[in-house]
Amino acid sequence: MSKTLYVGNLPWGATKEDLAALFAEHTEVISSRIITEPGTGRSRGFGFIEIDDNEDVQEIINQVNGKDMGGREIIVNEAKPRQNKM
């Protein structure tokens, strides 16, 4: 099983590789993605990182939350389940 973390306040130029590298210092990264605007492909300033849930997820959040990335203080929380639009 894996756990997904929300990462907000990302620099506009951040890539999924940048995001994975930031977390790789603390845990094994399964996948990473930056959410982009449809049509323009421009970053929306947040993304998700998937890690093994056997790790101490709260400890990883504590270590990375508030870190500087490209001059911005990132926000990290456990991702909420996806809600279906009606």
C-alpha atoms as a PDB file:
ATOM      1  CA  MET A   1       0.000   0.000   0.000  1.00  0.00           C
ATOM      2  CA  SER A   2       0.990   3.594  -0.434  1.00  0.00           C
ATOM      3  CA  LYS A   3       0.107   6.942   1.073  1.00  0.00           C
ATOM      4  CA  THR A   4      -0.446  10.143  -0.893  1.00  0.00           C
ATOM      5  CA  LEU A   5       0.691  13.514   0.420  1.00  0.00           C
ATOM      6  CA  TYR A   6      -0.527  16.926  -0.767  1.00  0.00           C
ATOM      7  CA  VAL A   7       2.243  19.472  -1.370  1.00  0.00           C
ATOM      8  CA  GLY A   8       1.152  23.094  -1.740  1.00  0.00           C
ATOM      9  CA  ASN A   9       2.716  26.515  -2.317  1.00  0.00           C
ATOM     10  CA  LEU A  10       5.093  25.087  -4.920  1.00  0.00           C
ATOM     11  CA  PRO A  11       7.158  27.446  -7.079  1.00  0.00           C
ATOM     12  CA  TRP A  12       5.590  27.864 -10.532  1.00  0.00           C
ATOM     13  CA  GLY A  13       8.647  26.354 -12.217  1.00  0.00           C
ATOM     14  CA  ALA A  14       8.789  23.212 -10.026  1.00  0.00           C
ATOM     15  CA  THR A  15       8.775  19.876 -11.844  1.00  0.00           C
ATOM     16  CA  LYS A  16       7.690  16.446 -10.669  1.00  0.00           C
ATOM     17  CA  GLU A  17      11.403  15.537 -10.594  1.00  0.00           C
ATOM     18  CA  ASP A  18      12.114  18.485  -8.252  1.00  0.00           C
ATOM     19  CA  LEU A  19       9.286  17.370  -5.997  1.00  0.00           C
ATOM     20  CA  ALA A  20      10.484  13.752  -5.927  1.00  0.00           C
ATOM     21  CA  ALA A  21      14.056  14.856  -5.171  1.00  0.00           C
ATOM     22  CA  LEU A  22      12.897  16.909  -2.180  1.00  0.00           C
ATOM     23  CA  PHE A  23      11.141  13.904  -0.627  1.00  0.00           C
ATOM     24  CA  ALA A  24      13.803  11.363  -1.653  1.00  0.00           C
ATOM     25  CA  GLU A  25      16.019  12.750   1.122  1.00  0.00           C
ATOM     26  CA  HIS A  26      13.475  11.417   3.657  1.00  0.00           C
ATOM     27  CA  THR A  27      11.700   8.422   2.100  1.00  0.00           C
ATOM     28  CA  GLU A  28      11.380   6.253  -0.975  1.00  0.00           C
ATOM     29  CA  VAL A  29       9.194   8.026  -3.529  1.00  0.00           C
ATOM     30  CA  ILE A  30       6.783   5.865  -5.543  1.00  0.00           C
ATOM     31  CA  SER A  31       5.517   8.708  -7.756  1.00  0.00           C
ATOM     32  CA  SER A  32       5.109  12.466  -7.910  1.00  0.00           C
ATOM     33  CA  ARG A  33       2.957  14.802  -9.951  1.00  0.00           C
ATOM     34  CA  ILE A  34       2.393  18.522 -10.345  1.00  0.00           C
ATOM     35  CA  ILE A  35      -1.166  19.596 -11.098  1.00  0.00           C
ATOM     36  CA  THR A  36      -1.398  21.810 -14.180  1.00  0.00           C
ATOM     37  CA  GLU A  37      -4.049  23.927 -15.860  1.00  0.00           C
ATOM     38  CA  PRO A  38      -5.733  22.112 -18.729  1.00  0.00           C
ATOM     39  CA  GLY A  39      -5.044  23.896 -21.977  1.00  0.00           C
ATOM     40  CA  THR A  40      -2.061  25.962 -20.836  1.00  0.00           C
ATOM     41  CA  GLY A  41      -0.088  23.302 -18.966  1.00  0.00           C
ATOM     42  CA  ARG A  42       0.882  25.955 -16.377  1.00  0.00           C
ATOM     43  CA  SER A  43       1.414  24.722 -12.828  1.00  0.00           C
ATOM     44  CA  ARG A  44      -1.419  25.353 -10.375  1.00  0.00           C
ATOM     45  CA  GLY A  45       1.132  25.574  -7.536  1.00  0.00           C
ATOM     46  CA  PHE A  46       0.435  22.230  -5.907  1.00  0.00           C
ATOM     47  CA  GLY A  47       1.072  18.561  -6.413  1.00  0.00           C
ATOM     48  CA  PHE A  48       1.039  15.117  -4.865  1.00  0.00           C
ATOM     49  CA  ILE A  49       3.704  12.679  -3.776  1.00  0.00           C
ATOM     50  CA  GLU A  50       3.106   8.969  -3.239  1.00  0.00           C
ATOM     51  CA  ILE A  51       5.176   7.148  -0.617  1.00  0.00           C
ATOM     52  CA  ASP A  52       5.155   3.716   1.025  1.00  0.00           C
ATOM     53  CA  ASP A  53       2.710   3.791   3.937  1.00  0.00           C
ATOM     54  CA  ASN A  54       4.998   1.555   5.996  1.00  0.00           C
ATOM     55  CA  GLU A  55       7.052   4.678   6.624  1.00  0.00           C
ATOM     56  CA  ASP A  56       6.255   7.044   9.516  1.00  0.00           C
ATOM     57  CA  VAL A  57       4.102   9.367   7.402  1.00  0.00           C
ATOM     58  CA  GLN A  58       3.644  12.017  10.097  1.00  0.00           C
ATOM     59  CA  GLU A  59       7.405  12.188  10.682  1.00  0.00           C
ATOM     60  CA  ILE A  60       8.018  12.706   6.952  1.00  0.00           C
ATOM     61  CA  ILE A  61       5.372  15.453   6.865  1.00  0.00           C
ATOM     62  CA  ASN A  62       7.031  17.148   9.865  1.00  0.00           C
ATOM     63  CA  GLN A  63      10.461  16.996   8.203  1.00  0.00           C
ATOM     64  CA  VAL A  64       9.386  18.462   4.853  1.00  0.00           C
ATOM     65  CA  ASN A  65       6.518  20.825   5.787  1.00  0.00           C
ATOM     66  CA  GLY A  66       7.753  24.425   5.808  1.00  0.00           C
ATOM     67  CA  LYS A  67      10.948  23.671   3.856  1.00  0.00           C
ATOM     68  CA  ASP A  68      12.113  26.221   1.312  1.00  0.00           C
ATOM     69  CA  MET A  69      11.696  25.213  -2.319  1.00  0.00           C
ATOM     70  CA  GLY A  70      12.595  27.820  -4.895  1.00  0.00           C
ATOM     71  CA  GLY A  71      12.063  30.653  -2.409  1.00  0.00           C
ATOM     72  CA  ARG A  72       8.666  29.424  -1.247  1.00  0.00           C
ATOM     73  CA  GLU A  73       7.768  27.700   2.015  1.00  0.00           C
ATOM     74  CA  ILE A  74       5.950  24.519   0.999  1.00  0.00           C
ATOM     75  CA  ILE A  75       2.933  23.055   2.776  1.00  0.00           C
ATOM     76  CA  VAL A  76       2.672  19.286   3.229  1.00  0.00           C
ATOM     77  CA  ASN A  77      -0.342  17.336   4.544  1.00  0.00           C
ATOM     78  CA  GLU A  78      -1.857  13.943   4.094  1.00  0.00           C
ATOM     79  CA  ALA A  79      -3.999  14.099   0.933  1.00  0.00           C
ATOM     80  CA  LYS A  80      -7.755  13.891   1.356  1.00  0.00           C
ATOM     81  CA  PRO A  81      -9.657  11.299  -0.678  1.00  0.00           C
ATOM     82  CA  ARG A  82     -10.695  12.520  -4.102  1.00  0.00           C
ATOM     83  CA  GLN A  83     -14.270  13.826  -4.260  1.00  0.00           C
ATOM     84  CA  ASN A  84     -16.383  13.076  -7.309  1.00  0.00           C
ATOM     85  CA  LYS A  85     -18.054  16.057  -8.932  1.00  0.00           C
ATOM     86  CA  MET A  86     -21.820  15.785  -9.264  1.00  0.00           C
END
